[in-house]
Amino acid sequence: MAVEVEVLWQGEMAFVGTGNASNFPVKMDASPDVGGKGQGARPMELLLIALGGCTGMDVVSILKKMRQELTDYQIKIHGERAPEHPRAYTRITVEHIIRGRNLNPELVEKAVRLSETKYCSVMATINRAARVEVRTTIIDEVKVS
């Protein structure tokens, strides 16, 4: 399965990228200190955002199949970059903060682990270049009748 995107220069340091599958535009720009206007996401931020979206979609899908009742889900990702160019990520921490009612911690951990090791293609790609650490926080909300 091939994926294609088109990235068009908008002048100065601004670009707009569009994927063939979704056709949604993503605006990118550099910070003013390197010639941009700061009016779009940075490419390296988008890499972490893609990782969060990929693993998040996996975890939600798996937990729904496991009949776990989610009420909220947040993914915090921290990336550390090398000081020298190309300033690639050297370490990434992914924290899943999952809220729900009567959550089974073993099933939640299993869903996160399956995304990390089997399903998330962004994670699989990044794992070849940087060390990725994954954490999970479960917040059980008791049903109020």
N, C-alpha and C. Protein backbone atom coordinates (compact mmCIF):
# COMPACT_ATOMS: atom_id res chain seq x y z
N MET A 1 0.85 -1.18 0.00
CA MET A 1 0.00 0.00 0.00
C MET A 1 0.89 1.24 0.00
N ALA A 2 0.73 2.07 -0.96
CA ALA A 2 1.53 3.29 -1.06
C ALA A 2 0.78 4.48 -0.49
N VAL A 3 1.52 5.39 0.08
CA VAL A 3 0.97 6.64 0.58
C VAL A 3 1.68 7.76 -0.15
N GLU A 4 0.92 8.72 -0.60
CA GLU A 4 1.52 9.87 -1.27
C GLU A 4 1.02 11.14 -0.63
N VAL A 5 1.92 12.10 -0.51
CA VAL A 5 1.56 13.43 -0.05
C VAL A 5 2.17 14.43 -1.01
N GLU A 6 1.59 15.60 -1.01
CA GLU A 6 2.13 16.69 -1.80
C GLU A 6 2.38 17.85 -0.84
N VAL A 7 3.56 18.43 -0.92
CA VAL A 7 3.92 19.55 -0.06
C VAL A 7 4.24 20.73 -0.96
N LEU A 8 3.48 21.80 -0.78
CA LEU A 8 3.61 22.98 -1.63
C LEU A 8 4.16 24.15 -0.84
N TRP A 9 5.16 24.80 -1.39
CA TRP A 9 5.77 25.97 -0.78
C TRP A 9 4.81 27.14 -0.84
N GLN A 10 4.66 27.86 0.26
CA GLN A 10 3.76 29.00 0.35
C GLN A 10 4.52 30.32 0.43
N GLY A 11 5.82 30.28 0.27
CA GLY A 11 6.65 31.48 0.40
C GLY A 11 7.37 31.46 1.73
N GLU A 12 8.49 32.15 1.79
CA GLU A 12 9.36 32.18 2.96
C GLU A 12 9.60 30.76 3.46
N MET A 13 9.22 30.42 4.68
CA MET A 13 9.46 29.07 5.22
C MET A 13 8.17 28.28 5.40
N ALA A 14 7.08 28.75 4.79
CA ALA A 14 5.77 28.12 4.97
C ALA A 14 5.50 27.10 3.86
N PHE A 15 4.88 25.98 4.27
CA PHE A 15 4.49 24.92 3.34
C PHE A 15 3.11 24.41 3.74
N VAL A 16 2.39 23.85 2.79
CA VAL A 16 1.14 23.16 3.06
C VAL A 16 1.26 21.76 2.48
N GLY A 17 1.03 20.77 3.33
CA GLY A 17 1.07 19.39 2.89
C GLY A 17 -0.32 18.79 2.86
N THR A 18 -0.58 17.97 1.86
CA THR A 18 -1.87 17.30 1.72
C THR A 18 -1.63 15.84 1.35
N GLY A 19 -2.29 14.94 2.06
CA GLY A 19 -2.16 13.52 1.77
C GLY A 19 -3.22 13.06 0.79
N ASN A 20 -2.87 12.04 0.00
CA ASN A 20 -3.83 11.55 -0.99
C ASN A 20 -5.00 10.80 -0.36
N ALA A 21 -4.81 10.24 0.83
CA ALA A 21 -5.89 9.47 1.45
C ALA A 21 -6.94 10.37 2.10
N SER A 22 -6.50 11.41 2.80
CA SER A 22 -7.45 12.26 3.54
C SER A 22 -7.79 13.54 2.82
N ASN A 23 -6.84 14.04 2.05
CA ASN A 23 -7.00 15.31 1.33
C ASN A 23 -7.18 16.51 2.26
N PHE A 24 -6.71 16.40 3.52
CA PHE A 24 -6.77 17.52 4.45
C PHE A 24 -5.44 18.25 4.45
N PRO A 25 -5.47 19.58 4.31
CA PRO A 25 -4.21 20.34 4.30
C PRO A 25 -3.64 20.51 5.72
N VAL A 26 -2.32 20.46 5.80
CA VAL A 26 -1.62 20.69 7.06
C VAL A 26 -0.61 21.81 6.81
N LYS A 27 -0.76 22.91 7.54
CA LYS A 27 0.13 24.06 7.36
C LYS A 27 1.36 23.90 8.25
N MET A 28 2.52 24.14 7.66
CA MET A 28 3.79 24.08 8.38
C MET A 28 4.53 25.39 8.20
N ASP A 29 5.24 25.80 9.23
CA ASP A 29 6.04 27.01 9.15
C ASP A 29 7.16 26.91 10.17
N ALA A 30 8.19 27.67 9.95
CA ALA A 30 9.32 27.72 10.88
C ALA A 30 9.12 28.90 11.83
N SER A 31 9.89 28.91 12.89
CA SER A 31 9.84 30.02 13.83
C SER A 31 10.51 31.25 13.23
N PRO A 32 10.17 32.44 13.73
CA PRO A 32 10.75 33.67 13.17
C PRO A 32 12.28 33.71 13.25
N ASP A 33 12.87 33.07 14.25
CA ASP A 33 14.33 33.13 14.38
C ASP A 33 15.07 32.38 13.27
N VAL A 34 14.35 31.59 12.48
CA VAL A 34 14.99 30.91 11.34
C VAL A 34 14.31 31.27 10.01
N GLY A 35 13.60 32.40 9.99
CA GLY A 35 13.05 32.90 8.73
C GLY A 35 11.58 32.65 8.49
N GLY A 36 10.91 31.99 9.42
CA GLY A 36 9.47 31.76 9.27
C GLY A 36 8.65 32.81 9.98
N LYS A 37 7.35 32.60 9.99
CA LYS A 37 6.45 33.51 10.70
C LYS A 37 5.75 32.81 11.87
N GLY A 38 6.09 31.55 12.09
CA GLY A 38 5.47 30.82 13.20
C GLY A 38 3.98 30.61 13.02
N GLN A 39 3.52 30.45 11.78
CA GLN A 39 2.09 30.33 11.51
C GLN A 39 1.67 28.93 11.11
N GLY A 40 2.41 27.94 11.57
CA GLY A 40 2.06 26.56 11.28
C GLY A 40 2.86 25.64 12.17
N ALA A 41 2.50 24.39 12.15
CA ALA A 41 3.20 23.39 12.96
C ALA A 41 4.60 23.16 12.39
N ARG A 42 5.52 22.80 13.26
CA ARG A 42 6.87 22.45 12.84
C ARG A 42 6.85 20.97 12.40
N PRO A 43 7.61 20.60 11.40
CA PRO A 43 7.62 19.22 10.94
C PRO A 43 7.93 18.20 12.04
N MET A 44 8.86 18.51 12.93
CA MET A 44 9.19 17.56 13.99
C MET A 44 8.07 17.43 15.03
N GLU A 45 7.29 18.49 15.21
CA GLU A 45 6.09 18.39 16.05
C GLU A 45 5.08 17.46 15.40
N LEU A 46 4.93 17.59 14.10
CA LEU A 46 3.97 16.76 13.37
C LEU A 46 4.30 15.28 13.47
N LEU A 47 5.59 14.97 13.55
CA LEU A 47 5.99 13.57 13.71
C LEU A 47 5.46 13.01 15.03
N LEU A 48 5.59 13.79 16.10
CA LEU A 48 5.07 13.35 17.40
C LEU A 48 3.54 13.34 17.42
N ILE A 49 2.93 14.31 16.77
CA ILE A 49 1.46 14.34 16.66
C ILE A 49 0.98 13.10 15.91
N ALA A 50 1.68 12.73 14.84
CA ALA A 50 1.31 11.53 14.08
C ALA A 50 1.43 10.29 14.95
N LEU A 51 2.48 10.23 15.76
CA LEU A 51 2.65 9.10 16.68
C LEU A 51 1.48 9.03 17.65
N GLY A 52 1.10 10.16 18.23
CA GLY A 52 -0.03 10.19 19.17
C GLY A 52 -1.34 9.78 18.52
N GLY A 53 -1.58 10.28 17.33
CA GLY A 53 -2.81 9.92 16.63
C GLY A 53 -2.85 8.44 16.27
N CYS A 54 -1.73 7.92 15.82
CA CYS A 54 -1.66 6.51 15.42
C CYS A 54 -1.91 5.59 16.61
N THR A 55 -1.16 5.78 17.67
CA THR A 55 -1.32 4.90 18.83
C THR A 55 -2.67 5.12 19.50
N GLY A 56 -3.14 6.36 19.53
CA GLY A 56 -4.44 6.64 20.13
C GLY A 56 -5.58 5.95 19.42
N MET A 57 -5.56 5.99 18.09
CA MET A 57 -6.61 5.32 17.32
C MET A 57 -6.58 3.81 17.56
N ASP A 58 -5.38 3.25 17.64
CA ASP A 58 -5.26 1.82 17.94
C ASP A 58 -5.87 1.50 19.29
N VAL A 59 -5.44 2.24 20.32
CA VAL A 59 -5.87 1.95 21.69
C VAL A 59 -7.38 2.08 21.82
N VAL A 60 -7.97 3.13 21.27
CA VAL A 60 -9.43 3.30 21.34
C VAL A 60 -10.13 2.13 20.66
N SER A 61 -9.67 1.76 19.48
CA SER A 61 -10.28 0.66 18.74
C SER A 61 -10.19 -0.65 19.53
N ILE A 62 -9.03 -0.93 20.08
CA ILE A 62 -8.84 -2.17 20.84
C ILE A 62 -9.69 -2.17 22.10
N LEU A 63 -9.71 -1.06 22.83
CA LEU A 63 -10.50 -1.00 24.07
C LEU A 63 -12.00 -1.11 23.80
N LYS A 64 -12.47 -0.56 22.69
CA LYS A 64 -13.88 -0.70 22.33
C LYS A 64 -14.21 -2.18 22.11
N LYS A 65 -13.32 -2.89 21.40
CA LYS A 65 -13.53 -4.32 21.16
C LYS A 65 -13.50 -5.10 22.47
N MET A 66 -12.75 -4.61 23.45
CA MET A 66 -12.66 -5.25 24.77
C MET A 66 -13.78 -4.80 25.70
N ARG A 67 -14.68 -3.96 25.18
CA ARG A 67 -15.83 -3.44 25.92
C ARG A 67 -15.43 -2.67 27.18
N GLN A 68 -14.37 -1.87 27.04
CA GLN A 68 -13.94 -0.99 28.11
C GLN A 68 -14.57 0.37 27.88
N GLU A 69 -15.10 0.98 28.94
CA GLU A 69 -15.83 2.24 28.82
C GLU A 69 -14.91 3.43 29.07
N LEU A 70 -14.46 4.05 27.99
CA LEU A 70 -13.61 5.24 28.09
C LEU A 70 -14.47 6.47 28.28
N THR A 71 -13.99 7.39 29.09
CA THR A 71 -14.67 8.69 29.24
C THR A 71 -13.76 9.83 28.77
N ASP A 72 -12.45 9.59 28.77
CA ASP A 72 -11.51 10.60 28.32
C ASP A 72 -10.18 9.92 28.03
N TYR A 73 -9.43 10.48 27.12
CA TYR A 73 -8.15 9.87 26.75
C TYR A 73 -7.24 10.98 26.26
N GLN A 74 -6.08 11.05 26.86
CA GLN A 74 -5.09 12.06 26.50
C GLN A 74 -3.75 11.35 26.30
N ILE A 75 -3.01 11.79 25.32
CA ILE A 75 -1.69 11.23 25.07
C ILE A 75 -0.70 12.39 25.11
N LYS A 76 0.25 12.31 26.04
CA LYS A 76 1.30 13.32 26.14
C LYS A 76 2.58 12.70 25.62
N ILE A 77 3.23 13.41 24.71
CA ILE A 77 4.45 12.89 24.10
C ILE A 77 5.55 13.93 24.25
N HIS A 78 6.69 13.47 24.74
CA HIS A 78 7.85 14.33 24.93
C HIS A 78 8.98 13.77 24.07
N GLY A 79 9.57 14.61 23.25
CA GLY A 79 10.68 14.18 22.40
C GLY A 79 11.95 14.94 22.73
N GLU A 80 13.05 14.23 22.83
CA GLU A 80 14.36 14.85 23.03
C GLU A 80 15.13 14.72 21.73
N ARG A 81 15.73 15.83 21.30
CA ARG A 81 16.44 15.86 20.03
C ARG A 81 17.94 16.03 20.24
N ALA A 82 18.70 15.49 19.32
CA ALA A 82 20.16 15.64 19.35
C ALA A 82 20.51 17.11 19.13
N PRO A 83 21.59 17.58 19.75
CA PRO A 83 21.96 18.99 19.59
C PRO A 83 22.53 19.33 18.21
N GLU A 84 23.08 18.34 17.50
CA GLU A 84 23.67 18.59 16.19
C GLU A 84 22.69 18.20 15.08
N HIS A 85 22.87 18.86 13.95
CA HIS A 85 22.04 18.54 12.78
C HIS A 85 22.35 17.13 12.31
N PRO A 86 21.34 16.38 11.94
CA PRO A 86 19.98 16.78 11.60
C PRO A 86 19.02 16.89 12.78
N ARG A 87 19.54 16.89 14.02
CA ARG A 87 18.75 17.07 15.24
C ARG A 87 17.57 16.08 15.32
N ALA A 88 17.86 14.84 15.01
CA ALA A 88 16.85 13.78 15.06
C ALA A 88 16.44 13.52 16.51
N TYR A 89 15.26 12.95 16.68
CA TYR A 89 14.85 12.53 18.02
C TYR A 89 15.76 11.40 18.49
N THR A 90 16.21 11.51 19.72
CA THR A 90 17.04 10.46 20.32
C THR A 90 16.25 9.68 21.37
N ARG A 91 15.22 10.30 21.90
CA ARG A 91 14.38 9.65 22.91
C ARG A 91 12.99 10.27 22.85
N ILE A 92 12.00 9.40 22.95
CA ILE A 92 10.59 9.84 22.93
C ILE A 92 9.87 9.12 24.06
N THR A 93 9.10 9.88 24.82
CA THR A 93 8.28 9.30 25.88
C THR A 93 6.81 9.51 25.52
N VAL A 94 6.04 8.44 25.54
CA VAL A 94 4.61 8.47 25.24
C VAL A 94 3.87 8.11 26.51
N GLU A 95 3.02 9.02 26.98
CA GLU A 95 2.23 8.75 28.18
C GLU A 95 0.74 8.72 27.81
N HIS A 96 0.13 7.58 28.02
CA HIS A 96 -1.31 7.42 27.79
C HIS A 96 -2.02 7.70 29.11
N ILE A 97 -2.93 8.66 29.12
CA ILE A 97 -3.73 8.96 30.31
C ILE A 97 -5.17 8.61 29.94
N ILE A 98 -5.63 7.52 30.53
CA ILE A 98 -6.91 6.94 30.12
C ILE A 98 -7.89 7.00 31.28
N ARG A 99 -9.02 7.62 31.05
CA ARG A 99 -10.10 7.69 32.05
C ARG A 99 -11.26 6.83 31.58
N GLY A 100 -11.92 6.23 32.52
CA GLY A 100 -13.08 5.43 32.17
C GLY A 100 -13.78 4.90 33.39
N ARG A 101 -14.78 4.10 33.16
CA ARG A 101 -15.56 3.51 34.25
C ARG A 101 -15.30 2.02 34.30
N ASN A 102 -14.94 1.54 35.48
CA ASN A 102 -14.69 0.12 35.70
C ASN A 102 -13.67 -0.45 34.71
N LEU A 103 -12.62 0.30 34.47
CA LEU A 103 -11.59 -0.16 33.54
C LEU A 103 -10.81 -1.33 34.13
N ASN A 104 -10.51 -2.30 33.29
CA ASN A 104 -9.67 -3.41 33.68
C ASN A 104 -8.23 -3.03 33.33
N PRO A 105 -7.38 -2.76 34.34
CA PRO A 105 -6.01 -2.32 34.06
C PRO A 105 -5.23 -3.28 33.16
N GLU A 106 -5.45 -4.57 33.29
CA GLU A 106 -4.74 -5.53 32.45
C GLU A 106 -5.13 -5.37 30.99
N LEU A 107 -6.41 -5.13 30.73
CA LEU A 107 -6.86 -4.95 29.35
C LEU A 107 -6.35 -3.63 28.77
N VAL A 108 -6.33 -2.59 29.60
CA VAL A 108 -5.82 -1.30 29.15
C VAL A 108 -4.34 -1.43 28.79
N GLU A 109 -3.57 -2.05 29.67
CA GLU A 109 -2.14 -2.26 29.40
C GLU A 109 -1.94 -3.10 28.14
N LYS A 110 -2.79 -4.10 27.96
CA LYS A 110 -2.69 -4.95 26.77
C LYS A 110 -2.96 -4.14 25.50
N ALA A 111 -3.97 -3.28 25.55
CA ALA A 111 -4.30 -2.45 24.38
C ALA A 111 -3.14 -1.53 24.03
N VAL A 112 -2.54 -0.90 25.03
CA VAL A 112 -1.41 -0.01 24.79
C VAL A 112 -0.23 -0.81 24.24
N ARG A 113 0.05 -1.95 24.83
CA ARG A 113 1.16 -2.80 24.39
C ARG A 113 0.96 -3.28 22.94
N LEU A 114 -0.28 -3.67 22.59
CA LEU A 114 -0.55 -4.11 21.22
C LEU A 114 -0.32 -2.98 20.22
N SER A 115 -0.74 -1.78 20.58
CA SER A 115 -0.48 -0.64 19.70
C SER A 115 1.02 -0.44 19.54
N GLU A 116 1.73 -0.46 20.66
CA GLU A 116 3.16 -0.20 20.66
C GLU A 116 3.95 -1.25 19.87
N THR A 117 3.57 -2.50 20.00
CA THR A 117 4.39 -3.58 19.44
C THR A 117 3.87 -4.18 18.13
N LYS A 118 2.59 -3.97 17.83
CA LYS A 118 2.02 -4.66 16.67
C LYS A 118 1.33 -3.74 15.66
N TYR A 119 0.53 -2.79 16.12
CA TYR A 119 -0.36 -2.10 15.20
C TYR A 119 0.08 -0.70 14.75
N CYS A 120 0.74 0.08 15.59
CA CYS A 120 1.03 1.47 15.23
C CYS A 120 2.21 1.55 14.27
N SER A 121 1.91 1.86 13.02
CA SER A 121 2.96 1.93 12.00
C SER A 121 3.90 3.11 12.21
N VAL A 122 3.40 4.20 12.80
CA VAL A 122 4.28 5.33 13.09
C VAL A 122 5.29 4.92 14.16
N MET A 123 4.82 4.22 15.19
CA MET A 123 5.72 3.73 16.24
C MET A 123 6.78 2.79 15.65
N ALA A 124 6.36 1.90 14.79
CA ALA A 124 7.30 0.96 14.18
C ALA A 124 8.36 1.70 13.36
N THR A 125 7.97 2.74 12.70
CA THR A 125 8.92 3.52 11.90
C THR A 125 9.89 4.28 12.79
N ILE A 126 9.36 4.94 13.80
CA ILE A 126 10.20 5.73 14.71
C ILE A 126 11.13 4.84 15.52
N ASN A 127 10.66 3.68 15.94
CA ASN A 127 11.47 2.78 16.76
C ASN A 127 12.78 2.39 16.09
N ARG A 128 12.84 2.50 14.80
CA ARG A 128 14.08 2.18 14.09
C ARG A 128 15.13 3.27 14.25
N ALA A 129 14.71 4.46 14.69
CA ALA A 129 15.63 5.59 14.76
C ALA A 129 15.83 6.15 16.17
N ALA A 130 14.85 5.98 17.04
CA ALA A 130 14.93 6.58 18.38
C ALA A 130 14.38 5.59 19.41
N ARG A 131 14.82 5.73 20.63
CA ARG A 131 14.29 4.92 21.72
C ARG A 131 12.96 5.51 22.15
N VAL A 132 11.92 4.70 22.16
CA VAL A 132 10.59 5.16 22.55
C VAL A 132 10.18 4.46 23.84
N GLU A 133 9.82 5.26 24.83
CA GLU A 133 9.35 4.74 26.11
C GLU A 133 7.86 5.02 26.21
N VAL A 134 7.10 4.03 26.65
CA VAL A 134 5.65 4.17 26.73
C VAL A 134 5.20 4.00 28.17
N ARG A 135 4.31 4.88 28.63
CA ARG A 135 3.74 4.82 29.97
C ARG A 135 2.22 4.91 29.87
N THR A 136 1.55 4.36 30.88
CA THR A 136 0.09 4.41 30.91
C THR A 136 -0.37 4.84 32.29
N THR A 137 -1.33 5.76 32.34
CA THR A 137 -2.00 6.16 33.57
C THR A 137 -3.47 5.87 33.39
N ILE A 138 -4.06 5.12 34.32
CA ILE A 138 -5.47 4.76 34.25
C ILE A 138 -6.20 5.48 35.37
N ILE A 139 -7.26 6.18 35.06
CA ILE A 139 -8.07 6.86 36.06
C ILE A 139 -9.47 6.29 35.98
N ASP A 140 -9.83 5.52 36.98
CA ASP A 140 -11.14 4.88 36.99
C ASP A 140 -12.16 5.82 37.59
N GLU A 141 -13.22 6.07 36.87
CA GLU A 141 -14.30 6.92 37.33
C GLU A 141 -15.47 6.03 37.73
N VAL A 142 -15.87 6.12 38.96
CA VAL A 142 -16.98 5.31 39.45
C VAL A 142 -18.27 5.87 38.89
N LYS A 143 -19.12 4.96 38.40
CA LYS A 143 -20.43 5.38 37.90
C LYS A 143 -21.26 5.95 39.03
N VAL A 144 -21.90 7.08 38.74
CA VAL A 144 -22.81 7.70 39.70
C VAL A 144 -24.23 7.43 39.22
N SER A 145 -25.03 6.82 40.07
CA SER A 145 -26.39 6.47 39.67
C SER A 145 -27.34 7.60 39.94
